[in-house]
PDB file of N, CA and C in Angstrom:
ATOM      1  N   MET A   1     146.030 131.501 146.214  1.00  0.00           N
ATOM      2  CA  MET A   1     146.260 133.189 145.084  1.00  0.00           C
ATOM      3  C   MET A   1     146.956 132.782 144.185  1.00  0.00           C
ATOM      4  N   PRO A   2     148.194 131.570 144.322  1.00  0.00           N
ATOM      5  CA  PRO A   2     148.733 131.090 142.754  1.00  0.00           C
ATOM      6  C   PRO A   2     148.053 130.313 141.772  1.00  0.00           C
ATOM      7  N   GLY A   3     146.636 129.812 142.695  1.00  0.00           N
ATOM      8  CA  GLY A   3     145.544 129.287 141.163  1.00  0.00           C
ATOM      9  C   GLY A   3     144.819 130.819 140.124  1.00  0.00           C
ATOM     10  N   THR A   4     145.043 131.334 141.186  1.00  0.00           N
ATOM     11  CA  THR A   4     143.901 132.593 140.598  1.00  0.00           C
ATOM     12  C   THR A   4     144.487 132.989 139.778  1.00  0.00           C
ATOM     13  N   THR A   5     146.294 133.214 139.953  1.00  0.00           N
ATOM     14  CA  THR A   5     147.141 134.198 138.564  1.00  0.00           C
ATOM     15  C   THR A   5     146.739 133.048 137.551  1.00  0.00           C
ATOM     16  N   PHE A   6     147.073 132.210 137.484  1.00  0.00           N
ATOM     17  CA  PHE A   6     146.956 131.311 136.791  1.00  0.00           C
ATOM     18  C   PHE A   6     145.695 131.697 135.828  1.00  0.00           C
ATOM     19  N   TRP A   7     144.381 131.342 136.292  1.00  0.00           N
ATOM     20  CA  TRP A   7     143.042 131.602 135.798  1.00  0.00           C
ATOM     21  C   TRP A   7     143.160 133.028 135.020  1.00  0.00           C
ATOM     22  N   VAL A   8     143.695 133.804 136.098  1.00  0.00           N
ATOM     23  CA  VAL A   8     143.781 135.463 135.658  1.00  0.00           C
ATOM     24  C   VAL A   8     144.596 135.715 134.159  1.00  0.00           C
ATOM     25  N   ALA A   9     145.784 134.821 134.120  1.00  0.00           N
ATOM     26  CA  ALA A   9     146.931 134.854 132.743  1.00  0.00           C
ATOM     27  C   ALA A   9     145.778 133.898 131.512  1.00  0.00           C
ATOM     28  N   ILE A  10     144.897 132.723 131.934  1.00  0.00           N
ATOM     29  CA  ILE A  10     144.462 131.722 130.885  1.00  0.00           C
ATOM     30  C   ILE A  10     143.380 132.627 130.184  1.00  0.00           C
ATOM     31  N   ALA A  11     142.387 133.960 131.280  1.00  0.00           N
ATOM     32  CA  ALA A  11     141.410 134.487 130.632  1.00  0.00           C
ATOM     33  C   ALA A  11     142.107 135.583 130.011  1.00  0.00           C
ATOM     34  N   VAL A  12     143.144 136.344 130.337  1.00  0.00           N
ATOM     35  CA  VAL A  12     143.612 136.991 129.315  1.00  0.00           C
ATOM     36  C   VAL A  12     143.741 136.650 127.932  1.00  0.00           C
ATOM     37  N   ILE A  13     144.962 135.627 127.869  1.00  0.00           N
ATOM     38  CA  ILE A  13     145.452 134.796 127.015  1.00  0.00           C
ATOM     39  C   ILE A  13     143.652 135.050 125.885  1.00  0.00           C
ATOM     40  N   ALA A  14     143.361 134.674 126.716  1.00  0.00           N
ATOM     41  CA  ALA A  14     141.666 134.206 125.588  1.00  0.00           C
ATOM     42  C   ALA A  14     140.851 135.383 124.989  1.00  0.00           C
ATOM     43  N   VAL A  15     141.633 136.466 126.157  1.00  0.00           N
ATOM     44  CA  VAL A  15     140.650 137.604 125.568  1.00  0.00           C
ATOM     45  C   VAL A  15     141.409 138.184 123.964  1.00  0.00           C
ATOM     46  N   VAL A  16     142.546 138.199 124.242  1.00  0.00           N
ATOM     47  CA  VAL A  16     143.610 138.294 122.831  1.00  0.00           C
ATOM     48  C   VAL A  16     143.432 137.933 122.005  1.00  0.00           C
ATOM     49  N   ALA A  17     143.459 136.733 122.117  1.00  0.00           N
ATOM     50  CA  ALA A  17     143.226 135.695 121.063  1.00  0.00           C
ATOM     51  C   ALA A  17     142.179 136.062 120.567  1.00  0.00           C
ATOM     52  N   ILE A  18     140.907 136.135 121.198  1.00  0.00           N
ATOM     53  CA  ILE A  18     139.489 136.851 120.303  1.00  0.00           C
ATOM     54  C   ILE A  18     139.780 137.779 119.552  1.00  0.00           C
ATOM     55  N   VAL A  19     140.176 138.895 120.530  1.00  0.00           N
ATOM     56  CA  VAL A  19     140.029 139.936 120.022  1.00  0.00           C
ATOM     57  C   VAL A  19     141.456 140.254 118.525  1.00  0.00           C
ATOM     58  N   GLY A  20     142.488 139.234 118.595  1.00  0.00           N
ATOM     59  CA  GLY A  20     143.221 139.376 118.178  1.00  0.00           C
ATOM     60  C   GLY A  20     142.068 138.802 116.430  1.00  0.00           C
ATOM     61  N   ASN A  21     141.864 137.451 117.008  1.00  0.00           N
ATOM     62  CA  ASN A  21     140.844 137.053 115.725  1.00  0.00           C
ATOM     63  C   ASN A  21     139.913 138.263 115.172  1.00  0.00           C
ATOM     64  N   THR A  22     139.245 138.941 115.653  1.00  0.00           N
ATOM     65  CA  THR A  22     138.455 139.893 115.775  1.00  0.00           C
ATOM     66  C   THR A  22     139.037 140.547 114.524  1.00  0.00           C
ATOM     67  N   VAL A  23     139.861 141.400 115.144  1.00  0.00           N
ATOM     68  CA  VAL A  23     140.463 142.698 114.245  1.00  0.00           C
ATOM     69  C   VAL A  23     140.911 141.804 113.155  1.00  0.00           C
ATOM     70  N   LEU A  24     141.397 141.117 112.863  1.00  0.00           N
ATOM     71  CA  LEU A  24     141.689 140.400 111.838  1.00  0.00           C
ATOM     72  C   LEU A  24     140.455 139.976 110.639  1.00  0.00           C
ATOM     73  N   GLU A  25     139.900 139.332 111.013  1.00  0.00           N
ATOM     74  CA  GLU A  25     138.570 139.229 110.311  1.00  0.00           C
ATOM     75  C   GLU A  25     138.319 140.842 109.693  1.00  0.00           C
ATOM     76  N   ILE A  26     138.231 141.597 110.417  1.00  0.00           N
ATOM     77  CA  ILE A  26     137.892 143.291 110.263  1.00  0.00           C
ATOM     78  C   ILE A  26     138.907 143.609 108.736  1.00  0.00           C
ATOM     79  N   ILE A  27     140.073 143.144 109.459  1.00  0.00           N
ATOM     80  CA  ILE A  27     141.003 143.792 108.004  1.00  0.00           C
ATOM     81  C   ILE A  27     140.693 142.900 106.988  1.00  0.00           C
ATOM     82  N   LYS A  28     140.450 141.896 107.121  1.00  0.00           N
ATOM     83  CA  LYS A  28     140.339 141.087 105.624  1.00  0.00           C
ATOM     84  C   LYS A  28     139.255 141.587 105.350  1.00  0.00           C
ATOM     85  N   ALA A  29     138.088 141.421 105.803  1.00  0.00           N
ATOM     86  CA  ALA A  29     136.307 141.931 105.780  1.00  0.00           C
ATOM     87  C   ALA A  29     136.486 143.311 104.473  1.00  0.00           C
ATOM     88  N   SER A  30     137.216 144.118 105.438  1.00  0.00           N
ATOM     89  CA  SER A  30     137.283 145.470 104.838  1.00  0.00           C
ATOM     90  C   SER A  30     137.876 145.950 103.616  1.00  0.00           C
ATOM     91  N   GLY A  31     138.951 144.673 103.197  1.00  0.00           N
ATOM     92  CA  GLY A  31     139.683 145.209 101.896  1.00  0.00           C
ATOM     93  C   GLY A  31     141.305 145.427 102.157  1.00  0.00           C
ATOM     94  N   SER A  32     141.416 146.364 103.205  1.00  0.00           N
ATOM     95  CA  SER A  32     142.697 146.301 103.800  1.00  0.00           C
ATOM     96  C   SER A  32     143.994 145.617 103.232  1.00  0.00           C
ATOM     97  N   GLY A  33     143.191 144.072 103.874  1.00  0.00           N
ATOM     98  CA  GLY A  33     144.660 143.296 103.950  1.00  0.00           C
ATOM     99  C   GLY A  33     144.400 142.926 102.237  1.00  0.00           C
ATOM    100  N   SER A  34     143.728 143.327 101.459  1.00  0.00           N
ATOM    101  CA  SER A  34     144.143 143.633  99.869  1.00  0.00           C
ATOM    102  C   SER A  34     145.476 143.550  99.762  1.00  0.00           C
ATOM    103  N   LYS A  35     145.611 144.877 100.326  1.00  0.00           N
ATOM    104  CA  LYS A  35     147.211 145.344 100.098  1.00  0.00           C
ATOM    105  C   LYS A  35     148.401 144.128 100.376  1.00  0.00           C
ATOM    106  N   PHE A  36     148.076 143.770 101.297  1.00  0.00           N
ATOM    107  CA  PHE A  36     148.785 143.151 101.964  1.00  0.00           C
ATOM    108  C   PHE A  36     149.165 141.057 101.372  1.00  0.00           C
ATOM    109  N   LYS A  37     148.159 141.424 100.126  1.00  0.00           N
ATOM    110  CA  LYS A  37     147.791 139.796  99.716  1.00  0.00           C
ATOM    111  C   LYS A  37     149.142 139.812  98.559  1.00  0.00           C
ATOM    112  N   PRO A  38     149.794 140.687  97.665  1.00  0.00           N
ATOM    113  CA  PRO A  38     150.958 139.931  97.031  1.00  0.00           C
ATOM    114  C   PRO A  38     152.192 139.832  97.994  1.00  0.00           C
ATOM    115  N   ARG A  39     152.496 140.664  99.198  1.00  0.00           N
ATOM    116  CA  ARG A  39     153.750 140.283  99.979  1.00  0.00           C
ATOM    117  C   ARG A  39     153.602 138.630 100.178  1.00  0.00           C
ATOM    118  N   ILE A  40     152.508 138.249 101.179  1.00  0.00           N
ATOM    119  CA  ILE A  40     151.505 137.237 101.462  1.00  0.00           C
ATOM    120  C   ILE A  40     152.044 135.965 100.084  1.00  0.00           C
ATOM    121  N   GLU A  41     151.412 136.195  98.895  1.00  0.00           N
ATOM    122  CA  GLU A  41     152.017 135.679  98.012  1.00  0.00           C
ATOM    123  C   GLU A  41     153.443 134.994  97.816  1.00  0.00           C
ATOM    124  N   GLY A  42     153.964 136.455  98.179  1.00  0.00           N
ATOM    125  CA  GLY A  42     155.299 136.246  97.397  1.00  0.00           C
ATOM    126  C   GLY A  42     156.392 135.570  98.747  1.00  0.00           C
ATOM    127  N   LEU A  43     156.047 135.310  99.955  1.00  0.00           N
ATOM    128  CA  LEU A  43     156.419 134.878 101.436  1.00  0.00           C
ATOM    129  C   LEU A  43     156.461 133.533 101.206  1.00  0.00           C
ATOM    130  N   GLU A  44     155.039 133.148 100.286  1.00  0.00           N
ATOM    131  CA  GLU A  44     153.921 131.612 100.382  1.00  0.00           C
ATOM    132  C   GLU A  44     155.627 131.061  99.089  1.00  0.00           C
ATOM    133  N   GLU A  45     155.726 131.346  98.490  1.00  0.00           N
ATOM    134  CA  GLU A  45     156.655 131.123  97.358  1.00  0.00           C
ATOM    135  C   GLU A  45     157.893 130.882  98.002  1.00  0.00           C
ATOM    136  N   GLN A  46     158.600 131.676  98.930  1.00  0.00           N
ATOM    137  CA  GLN A  46     159.540 131.912  99.146  1.00  0.00           C
ATOM    138  C   GLN A  46     160.034 130.814 100.163  1.00  0.00           C
ATOM    139  N   VAL A  47     159.064 130.395 100.731  1.00  0.00           N
ATOM    140  CA  VAL A  47     158.470 128.917 101.662  1.00  0.00           C
ATOM    141  C   VAL A  47     158.835 128.157 100.695  1.00  0.00           C
ATOM    142  N   HIS A  48     158.177 127.849  99.978  1.00  0.00           N
ATOM    143  CA  HIS A  48     157.984 126.780  98.791  1.00  0.00           C
ATOM    144  C   HIS A  48     159.264 126.433  98.593  1.00  0.00           C
ATOM    145  N   ASP A  49     160.234 127.673  97.829  1.00  0.00           N
ATOM    146  CA  ASP A  49     161.439 127.472  97.533  1.00  0.00           C
ATOM    147  C   ASP A  49     162.566 127.134  98.781  1.00  0.00           C
ATOM    148  N   LEU A  50     162.250 127.360  99.462  1.00  0.00           N
ATOM    149  CA  LEU A  50     163.155 127.011 100.852  1.00  0.00           C
ATOM    150  C   LEU A  50     162.754 125.692 101.327  1.00  0.00           C
ATOM    151  N   GLU A  51     161.507 125.036 101.574  1.00  0.00           N
ATOM    152  CA  GLU A  51     161.132 123.500 101.191  1.00  0.00           C
ATOM    153  C   GLU A  51     161.846 122.842 100.350  1.00  0.00           C
ATOM    154  N   SER A  52     161.674 122.966  99.268  1.00  0.00           N
ATOM    155  CA  SER A  52     162.517 122.372  97.544  1.00  0.00           C
ATOM    156  C   SER A  52     164.020 122.190  98.197  1.00  0.00           C
ATOM    157  N   ASP A  53     164.148 123.742  98.396  1.00  0.00           N
ATOM    158  CA  ASP A  53     165.513 123.328  98.897  1.00  0.00           C
ATOM    159  C   ASP A  53     166.453 122.242  99.763  1.00  0.00           C
ATOM    160  N   LEU A  54     165.327 122.495 100.891  1.00  0.00           N
ATOM    161  CA  LEU A  54     165.879 121.768 102.090  1.00  0.00           C
ATOM    162  C   LEU A  54     165.878 120.268 101.526  1.00  0.00           C
ATOM    163  N   LEU A  55     164.491 119.678 101.098  1.00  0.00           N
ATOM    164  CA  LEU A  55     164.839 118.511 100.488  1.00  0.00           C
ATOM    165  C   LEU A  55     166.023 118.176  99.286  1.00  0.00           C
ATOM    166  N   ASP A  56     166.351 119.120  99.021  1.00  0.00           N
ATOM    167  CA  ASP A  56     167.355 118.689  97.935  1.00  0.00           C
ATOM    168  C   ASP A  56     168.485 118.903  98.516  1.00  0.00           C
ATOM    169  N   ALA A  57     168.929 119.364  99.947  1.00  0.00           N
ATOM    170  CA  ALA A  57     169.938 119.226 101.031  1.00  0.00           C
ATOM    171  C   ALA A  57     169.924 118.135 101.443  1.00  0.00           C
ATOM    172  N   ARG A  58     168.585 117.737 101.825  1.00  0.00           N
ATOM    173  CA  ARG A  58     169.043 116.471 102.653  1.00  0.00           C
ATOM    174  C   ARG A  58     168.866 115.553 101.962  1.00  0.00           C
ATOM    175  N   HIS A  59     168.846 115.097 100.653  1.00  0.00           N
ATOM    176  CA  HIS A  59     169.089 114.047  99.527  1.00  0.00           C
ATOM    177  C   HIS A  59     170.595 113.951  99.301  1.00  0.00           C
ATOM    178  N   ARG A  60     171.093 114.972  99.139  1.00  0.00           N
ATOM    179  CA  ARG A  60     172.817 115.418  98.884  1.00  0.00           C
ATOM    180  C   ARG A  60     173.552 114.442  99.678  1.00  0.00           C
ATOM    181  N   VAL A  61     172.767 115.583 101.680  1.00  0.00           N
ATOM    182  CA  VAL A  61     173.510 114.886 102.631  1.00  0.00           C
ATOM    183  C   VAL A  61     172.845 112.922 102.277  1.00  0.00           C
ATOM    184  N   GLU A  62     172.308 112.523 102.470  1.00  0.00           N
ATOM    185  CA  GLU A  62     172.055 110.714 102.200  1.00  0.00           C
ATOM    186  C   GLU A  62     172.973 110.147 101.303  1.00  0.00           C
ATOM    187  N   VAL A  63     173.288 111.237 100.005  1.00  0.00           N
ATOM    188  CA  VAL A  63     174.089 110.852  99.223  1.00  0.00           C
ATOM    189  C   VAL A  63     175.501 110.447  99.563  1.00  0.00           C
ATOM    190  N   LEU A  64     175.524 111.659 100.419  1.00  0.00           N
ATOM    191  CA  LEU A  64     177.190 111.705 100.683  1.00  0.00           C
ATOM    192  C   LEU A  64     177.106 110.997 101.648  1.00  0.00           C
ATOM    193  N   GLU A  65     176.021 110.321 102.704  1.00  0.00           N
ATOM    194  CA  GLU A  65     176.593 109.877 103.772  1.00  0.00           C
ATOM    195  C   GLU A  65     176.910 108.238 103.430  1.00  0.00           C
ATOM    196  N   LYS A  66     176.296 107.880 101.551  1.00  0.00           N
ATOM    197  CA  LYS A  66     176.183 106.108 101.582  1.00  0.00           C
ATOM    198  C   LYS A  66     177.825 106.462 100.650  1.00  0.00           C
ATOM    199  N   ILE A  67     178.258 107.557 100.123  1.00  0.00           N
ATOM    200  CA  ILE A  67     179.498 107.204  99.275  1.00  0.00           C
ATOM    201  C   ILE A  67     180.993 107.157 100.583  1.00  0.00           C
ATOM    202  N   VAL A  68     180.500 108.082 101.820  1.00  0.00           N
ATOM    203  CA  VAL A  68     181.667 107.791 103.039  1.00  0.00           C
ATOM    204  C   VAL A  68     181.618 106.690 103.717  1.00  0.00           C
ATOM    205  N   THR A  69     179.960 106.020 104.058  1.00  0.00           N
ATOM    206  CA  THR A  69     180.510 105.103 104.696  1.00  0.00           C
ATOM    207  C   THR A  69     180.281 103.627 103.758  1.00  0.00           C
ATOM    208  N   SER A  70     180.692 103.916 102.526  1.00  0.00           N
ATOM    209  CA  SER A  70     181.081 102.504 101.208  1.00  0.00           C
ATOM    210  C   SER A  70     182.190 102.197 101.819  1.00  0.00           C
ATOM    211  N   GLN A  71     182.467 100.704 101.639  1.00  0.00           N
ATOM    212  CA  GLN A  71     183.869 100.147 101.499  1.00  0.00           C
ATOM    213  C   GLN A  71     184.927 100.626 100.590  1.00  0.00           C
ATOM    214  N   LYS A  72     183.992 101.145  99.659  1.00  0.00           N
ATOM    215  CA  LYS A  72     185.277 101.287  98.331  1.00  0.00           C
ATOM    216  C   LYS A  72     185.468 102.822  98.623  1.00  0.00           C
ATOM    217  N   TYR A  73     185.271 103.645  99.233  1.00  0.00           N
ATOM    218  CA  TYR A  73     185.740 105.090  99.679  1.00  0.00           C
ATOM    219  C   TYR A  73     186.398 104.576 100.328  1.00  0.00           C
ATOM    220  N   ASP A  74     186.274 103.665 101.320  1.00  0.00           N
ATOM    221  CA  ASP A  74     187.375 103.301 102.421  1.00  0.00           C
ATOM    222  C   ASP A  74     188.296 102.949 102.018  1.00  0.00           C
ATOM    223  N   LEU A  75     188.197 101.833 101.194  1.00  0.00           N
ATOM    224  CA  LEU A  75     189.689 100.962 100.183  1.00  0.00           C
ATOM    225  C   LEU A  75     190.721 102.558  99.426  1.00  0.00           C
ATOM    226  N   GLY A  76     189.943 103.187  98.539  1.00  0.00           N
ATOM    227  CA  GLY A  76     189.670 104.569  98.076  1.00  0.00           C
ATOM    228  C   GLY A  76     190.665 105.214  98.824  1.00  0.00           C
ATOM    229  N   ARG A  77     190.000 105.901  99.685  1.00  0.00           N
ATOM    230  CA  ARG A  77     191.113 106.482 100.510  1.00  0.00           C
ATOM    231  C   ARG A  77     192.373 105.788 101.804  1.00  0.00           C
ATOM    232  N   GLU A  78     192.414 105.312 101.725  1.00  0.00           N
ATOM    233  CA  GLU A  78     193.304 103.715 102.148  1.00  0.00           C
ATOM    234  C   GLU A  78     194.702 103.870 100.980  1.00  0.00           C
ATOM    235  N   ILE A  79     194.142 103.800  99.789  1.00  0.00           N
ATOM    236  CA  ILE A  79     195.070 103.375  98.331  1.00  0.00           C
ATOM    237  C   ILE A  79     195.663 105.022  98.234  1.00  0.00           C
ATOM    238  N   ASP A  80     195.105 105.868  98.408  1.00  0.00           N
ATOM    239  CA  ASP A  80     195.517 107.362  98.362  1.00  0.00           C
ATOM    240  C   ASP A  80     196.729 107.542  99.899  1.00  0.00           C
ATOM    241  N   GLU A  81     196.558 107.146 100.800  1.00  0.00           N
ATOM    242  CA  GLU A  81     196.974 106.961 101.822  1.00  0.00           C
ATOM    243  C   GLU A  81     198.753 107.080 101.569  1.00  0.00           C
ATOM    244  N   LEU A  82     198.430 105.549 100.903  1.00  0.00           N
ATOM    245  CA  LEU A  82     199.489 104.843 100.757  1.00  0.00           C
ATOM    246  C   LEU A  82     200.061 105.529 100.203  1.00  0.00           C
ATOM    247  N   ARG A  83     200.053 106.076  98.834  1.00  0.00           N
ATOM    248  CA  ARG A  83     200.740 106.987  97.864  1.00  0.00           C
ATOM    249  C   ARG A  83     201.530 108.004  98.508  1.00  0.00           C
ATOM    250  N   SER A  84     200.677 108.144  99.516  1.00  0.00           N
ATOM    251  CA  SER A  84     201.660 109.489  99.815  1.00  0.00           C
ATOM    252  C   SER A  84     202.348 109.456 100.467  1.00  0.00           C
ATOM    253  N   SER A  85     202.606 107.996 101.443  1.00  0.00           N
ATOM    254  CA  SER A  85     203.470 107.682 102.479  1.00  0.00           C
ATOM    255  C   SER A  85     204.481 107.295 101.632  1.00  0.00           C
TER     256      SER A  85
END
């Protein structure tokens, strides 16, 4: 019986996916989906902005990693520690 449950679950998932896709296509075709278009465009713009911010943050982290791992940084830190002692 566990095998039967698996196939029933697969069938239910397939039916839900087909019905969901059909409903979405009907909404798009009827034009009522057009009221969501500005919202979708705004969200797409936000995603683009966040992707740009993420790339910028990654670049900054790479620069900071280079600074922290450089020998000059270590030497400067050691000199500062000697001055404070």
